Amino acid sequence: MPIQGVLFDVDDTLFDYSASEEAGVLAHLQTEGLLEQFPHPATAVALWRDIMERQYARFLNGEITFTEQQRERTREFLSHIGQITQTGLSDQEASAWFAGYRVHRDAAWAAFPDSEPVLRELAPDYRLGIVSNSSADHQRHKLGVIGLLPYFGDRLVCSDQHGEAKPAPSIFLAGCASIGLQPHEVAYVGDKYTLDAVGAHEAGLHAYWLDRANTSVGTAIGDGIRVIHTLDELPAALTGLSESPSPG
């Protein structure tokens, strides 16, 4: 049976999260007079991202809330550069510091240039939805700001409300249910190989790994997983016009 629906990841798939994150943290550190604490701006970004991955994993595991992971990221980052002891900020102070970062980050929010044109092309022929490891309210707001929410409406399944995060099969199956289709009728598109592509494939969906950085070269790609390097390749891939899955 041909593919009738497409589910998308959000961050670094439709939305250029990495660029906004980098712009946000560097601008905030500059404003706070802290950028000089680092030998190079890239060092600051790498530290911020390392801490984010660790604390965000705690949120996905249900240890802390979405807001608490923001506070813990702030505390760990500032303690690492000697600005505070790790418990040296109240919740209000940590939230205020993160809010400063968020202002700069959100000012840089943007969809990838290929996102809206491809969604516009797919919308007449496919049911579209979102499956994301995040807060539903946060992703809904983000998609609204960057102009993509009308393509999805309320068809967003996010880990905070679902109760399990990718790559758990249940969240992909919930995404299929949100667009009223069975897994074998649905494609999933995401930027992370294991989390998105392998997870979707193991849940019975058609898996498309969006490898924008071309990291798949020389990588062993699992059977049943197709590689695309831009969303522009997706419409043809969905109809079987592209070549068979390959390492890129």
Protein backbone atom coordinates (compact mmCIF):
# COMPACT_ATOMS: atom_id res chain seq x y z
CA MET A 1 0.00 0.00 0.00
CA PRO A 2 1.43 3.46 -0.88
CA ILE A 3 2.43 5.89 1.83
CA GLN A 4 -0.51 8.07 2.82
CA GLY A 5 0.91 10.06 5.73
CA VAL A 6 4.18 11.64 6.83
CA LEU A 7 5.27 12.31 10.40
CA PHE A 8 8.12 14.70 11.08
CA ASP A 9 10.59 15.39 13.83
CA VAL A 10 10.91 19.15 14.55
CA ASP A 11 14.33 20.22 15.80
CA ASP A 12 17.08 20.10 13.16
CA THR A 13 14.58 18.53 10.75
CA LEU A 14 12.03 21.25 9.99
CA PHE A 15 13.45 23.87 12.36
CA ASP A 16 17.10 24.96 12.49
CA TYR A 17 17.51 24.38 16.21
CA SER A 18 21.32 24.19 16.23
CA ALA A 19 21.75 27.59 14.59
CA SER A 20 19.33 29.30 16.97
CA GLU A 21 20.92 27.62 19.98
CA GLU A 22 24.40 28.78 19.00
CA ALA A 23 23.27 32.32 18.25
CA GLY A 24 21.32 32.47 21.49
CA VAL A 25 24.00 31.28 23.88
CA LEU A 26 26.76 33.40 22.32
CA ALA A 27 24.63 36.55 22.34
CA HIS A 28 23.53 35.95 25.93
CA LEU A 29 27.08 35.31 27.15
CA GLN A 30 28.22 38.48 25.38
CA THR A 31 25.44 40.46 27.07
CA GLU A 32 26.35 38.98 30.46
CA GLY A 33 30.06 39.68 30.00
CA LEU A 34 30.87 35.97 30.22
CA LEU A 35 32.02 35.16 26.69
CA GLU A 36 35.59 36.12 27.61
CA GLN A 37 35.62 33.19 30.05
CA PHE A 38 36.13 30.89 27.06
CA PRO A 39 39.18 30.56 24.79
CA HIS A 40 36.91 30.44 21.73
CA PRO A 41 33.16 30.90 21.15
CA ALA A 42 32.96 27.30 19.92
CA THR A 43 34.14 26.15 23.35
CA ALA A 44 31.21 27.90 25.00
CA VAL A 45 28.73 26.39 22.55
CA ALA A 46 30.18 22.90 23.01
CA LEU A 47 29.89 23.13 26.80
CA TRP A 48 26.33 24.45 26.60
CA ARG A 49 25.32 21.62 24.28
CA ASP A 50 27.00 18.93 26.37
CA ILE A 51 25.12 20.08 29.45
CA MET A 52 21.88 20.39 27.49
CA GLU A 53 22.12 16.80 26.25
CA ARG A 54 22.68 15.49 29.76
CA GLN A 55 19.93 17.50 31.46
CA TYR A 56 17.47 17.07 28.60
CA ALA A 57 17.91 13.31 28.86
CA ARG A 58 16.76 13.59 32.48
CA PHE A 59 13.61 15.37 31.28
CA LEU A 60 12.96 12.66 28.67
CA ASN A 61 13.43 10.00 31.33
CA GLY A 62 10.84 11.68 33.53
CA GLU A 63 13.28 12.65 36.30
CA ILE A 64 12.62 16.38 35.98
CA THR A 65 10.12 18.63 34.21
CA PHE A 66 10.75 20.63 31.05
CA THR A 67 11.17 23.82 33.10
CA GLU A 68 13.42 22.10 35.64
CA GLN A 69 15.82 20.93 32.92
CA GLN A 70 16.21 24.56 31.86
CA ARG A 71 17.11 25.57 35.41
CA GLU A 72 19.52 22.67 35.84
CA ARG A 73 21.24 23.51 32.56
CA THR A 74 21.73 27.05 33.79
CA ARG A 75 23.09 26.01 37.17
CA GLU A 76 25.49 23.43 35.77
CA PHE A 77 26.78 25.78 33.07
CA LEU A 78 27.41 28.68 35.43
CA SER A 79 28.99 26.45 38.07
CA HIS A 80 31.30 24.96 35.43
CA ILE A 81 32.74 28.38 34.61
CA GLY A 82 33.02 29.33 38.27
CA GLN A 83 30.22 31.88 38.39
CA ILE A 84 28.23 30.07 41.09
CA THR A 85 28.24 26.91 43.12
CA GLN A 86 25.91 24.38 41.49
CA THR A 87 23.18 25.06 44.07
CA GLY A 88 23.89 28.78 44.16
CA LEU A 89 20.86 29.96 42.17
CA SER A 90 17.27 29.90 43.32
CA ASP A 91 14.66 28.60 40.91
CA GLN A 92 13.63 32.17 40.17
CA GLU A 93 17.20 33.27 39.46
CA ALA A 94 17.95 30.26 37.27
CA SER A 95 14.74 30.78 35.31
CA ALA A 96 15.55 34.46 34.86
CA TRP A 97 19.03 33.68 33.49
CA PHE A 98 17.62 31.09 31.10
CA ALA A 99 14.95 33.56 30.00
CA GLY A 100 17.73 35.93 28.95
CA TYR A 101 19.22 33.20 26.79
CA ARG A 102 15.78 32.35 25.43
CA VAL A 103 15.21 35.92 24.20
CA HIS A 104 18.36 35.78 22.07
CA ARG A 105 17.68 32.21 20.94
CA ASP A 106 14.09 32.87 19.93
CA ALA A 107 15.15 35.93 17.93
CA ALA A 108 17.12 33.52 15.72
CA TRP A 109 14.30 30.98 15.29
CA ALA A 110 13.83 29.95 11.67
CA ALA A 111 12.64 27.03 9.60
CA PHE A 112 15.08 25.46 7.18
CA PRO A 113 14.58 26.96 3.70
CA ASP A 114 13.37 23.61 2.33
CA SER A 115 10.74 23.02 5.04
CA GLU A 116 7.77 25.14 4.02
CA PRO A 117 8.00 24.49 0.26
CA VAL A 118 8.08 20.71 0.80
CA LEU A 119 5.23 20.76 3.32
CA ARG A 120 3.21 22.83 0.87
CA GLU A 121 3.91 20.27 -1.86
CA LEU A 122 3.02 17.29 0.34
CA ALA A 123 -0.08 18.70 2.05
CA PRO A 124 -2.59 18.00 -0.75
CA ASP A 125 -1.64 14.32 -0.99
CA TYR A 126 -0.53 13.24 2.50
CA ARG A 127 -1.74 13.51 6.07
CA LEU A 128 0.98 15.36 8.00
CA GLY A 129 1.86 15.18 11.70
CA ILE A 130 4.60 15.67 14.27
CA VAL A 131 6.31 13.27 16.70
CA SER A 132 8.81 15.05 18.94
CA ASN A 133 10.81 14.46 22.10
CA SER A 134 9.80 17.72 23.72
CA SER A 135 7.05 19.72 25.34
CA ALA A 136 3.91 19.86 23.22
CA ASP A 137 3.22 23.48 24.20
CA HIS A 138 6.80 24.46 23.36
CA GLN A 139 6.78 22.77 19.95
CA ARG A 140 3.34 24.11 19.08
CA HIS A 141 4.51 27.64 19.89
CA LYS A 142 7.74 27.17 17.93
CA LEU A 143 5.97 25.84 14.84
CA GLY A 144 3.56 28.76 15.05
CA VAL A 145 6.36 31.32 15.20
CA ILE A 146 8.17 29.86 12.18
CA GLY A 147 4.96 29.58 10.17
CA LEU A 148 4.63 25.80 9.90
CA LEU A 149 1.87 25.02 12.39
CA PRO A 150 -0.99 25.29 9.84
CA TYR A 151 0.38 22.22 8.08
CA PHE A 152 -0.09 20.13 11.24
CA GLY A 153 -2.95 21.64 13.23
CA ASP A 154 -3.35 19.64 16.45
CA ARG A 155 -1.60 16.55 15.06
CA LEU A 156 1.38 16.84 17.42
CA VAL A 157 2.48 13.94 19.61
CA CYS A 158 5.18 14.98 22.08
CA SER A 159 6.96 12.97 24.73
CA ASP A 160 5.85 15.10 27.69
CA GLN A 161 2.18 14.34 27.11
CA HIS A 162 2.59 10.87 25.61
CA GLY A 163 4.72 9.60 28.51
CA GLU A 164 7.42 7.89 26.43
CA ALA A 165 10.14 9.33 24.22
CA LYS A 166 11.61 8.22 20.90
CA PRO A 167 12.83 5.63 20.07
CA ALA A 168 10.04 3.87 22.01
CA PRO A 169 7.64 2.34 19.46
CA SER A 170 4.58 3.64 21.28
CA ILE A 171 5.24 7.30 20.47
CA PHE A 172 5.55 6.55 16.76
CA LEU A 173 2.35 4.49 16.90
CA ALA A 174 0.61 7.36 18.69
CA GLY A 175 1.75 9.62 15.86
CA CYS A 176 0.20 7.26 13.33
CA ALA A 177 -3.04 7.25 15.31
CA SER A 178 -3.06 11.05 15.36
CA ILE A 179 -3.32 11.09 11.56
CA GLY A 180 -5.67 8.11 11.41
CA LEU A 181 -3.33 5.68 9.63
CA GLN A 182 -1.60 2.38 10.25
CA PRO A 183 2.22 2.30 10.61
CA HIS A 184 2.77 0.67 7.20
CA GLU A 185 0.93 3.61 5.62
CA VAL A 186 3.16 6.23 7.27
CA ALA A 187 6.65 7.62 6.68
CA TYR A 188 8.72 9.18 9.44
CA VAL A 189 11.40 11.82 8.76
CA GLY A 190 14.00 12.84 11.34
CA ASP A 191 17.61 13.95 11.64
CA LYS A 192 18.85 11.41 14.20
CA TYR A 193 19.72 7.97 12.87
CA THR A 194 19.09 5.84 15.97
CA LEU A 195 16.39 7.91 17.64
CA ASP A 196 14.39 8.71 14.52
CA ALA A 197 15.22 6.35 11.67
CA VAL A 198 15.87 3.13 13.58
CA GLY A 199 13.08 3.88 16.06
CA ALA A 200 10.53 4.52 13.31
CA HIS A 201 11.59 1.45 11.33
CA GLU A 202 11.32 -0.81 14.38
CA ALA A 203 7.83 0.58 15.03
CA GLY A 204 6.77 -0.49 11.54
CA LEU A 205 6.89 2.87 9.75
CA HIS A 206 8.77 3.77 6.58
CA ALA A 207 11.93 5.41 7.93
CA TYR A 208 13.70 8.33 6.27
CA TRP A 209 16.91 9.63 7.83
CA LEU A 210 17.42 13.31 7.01
CA ASP A 211 21.21 13.51 6.98
CA ARG A 212 21.77 17.20 6.20
CA ALA A 213 25.46 17.04 7.18
CA ASN A 214 26.14 14.02 4.95
CA THR A 215 27.49 11.99 7.86
CA SER A 216 26.08 8.79 6.36
CA VAL A 217 28.98 8.41 3.94
CA GLY A 218 30.84 5.26 4.93
CA THR A 219 28.20 4.39 7.53
CA ALA A 220 26.36 1.07 7.54
CA ILE A 221 22.68 1.89 7.09
CA GLY A 222 20.13 -0.63 8.33
CA ASP A 223 17.79 -2.38 5.93
CA GLY A 224 14.56 -0.51 5.42
CA ILE A 225 16.02 2.92 6.20
CA ARG A 226 16.32 5.44 3.40
CA VAL A 227 18.73 8.37 3.47
CA ILE A 228 17.91 11.84 2.18
CA HIS A 229 20.12 14.90 2.49
CA THR A 230 17.51 17.64 2.05
CA LEU A 231 13.76 17.74 2.39
CA ASP A 232 13.64 18.59 -1.31
CA GLU A 233 14.41 14.91 -1.95
CA LEU A 234 11.46 13.70 0.11
CA PRO A 235 8.51 13.93 -2.33
CA ALA A 236 10.25 11.76 -4.91
CA ALA A 237 11.49 9.37 -2.23
CA LEU A 238 7.95 8.88 -0.92
CA THR A 239 6.70 7.80 -4.31
CA GLY A 240 9.64 5.45 -4.88
CA LEU A 241 11.28 7.56 -7.55
CA SER A 242 14.58 7.86 -5.71
CA GLU A 243 17.22 5.18 -5.58
CA SER A 244 17.22 2.35 -3.04
CA PRO A 245 18.54 3.02 0.48
CA SER A 246 22.26 3.63 0.52
CA PRO A 247 24.96 5.11 2.76
CA GLY A 248 24.70 8.34 0.79
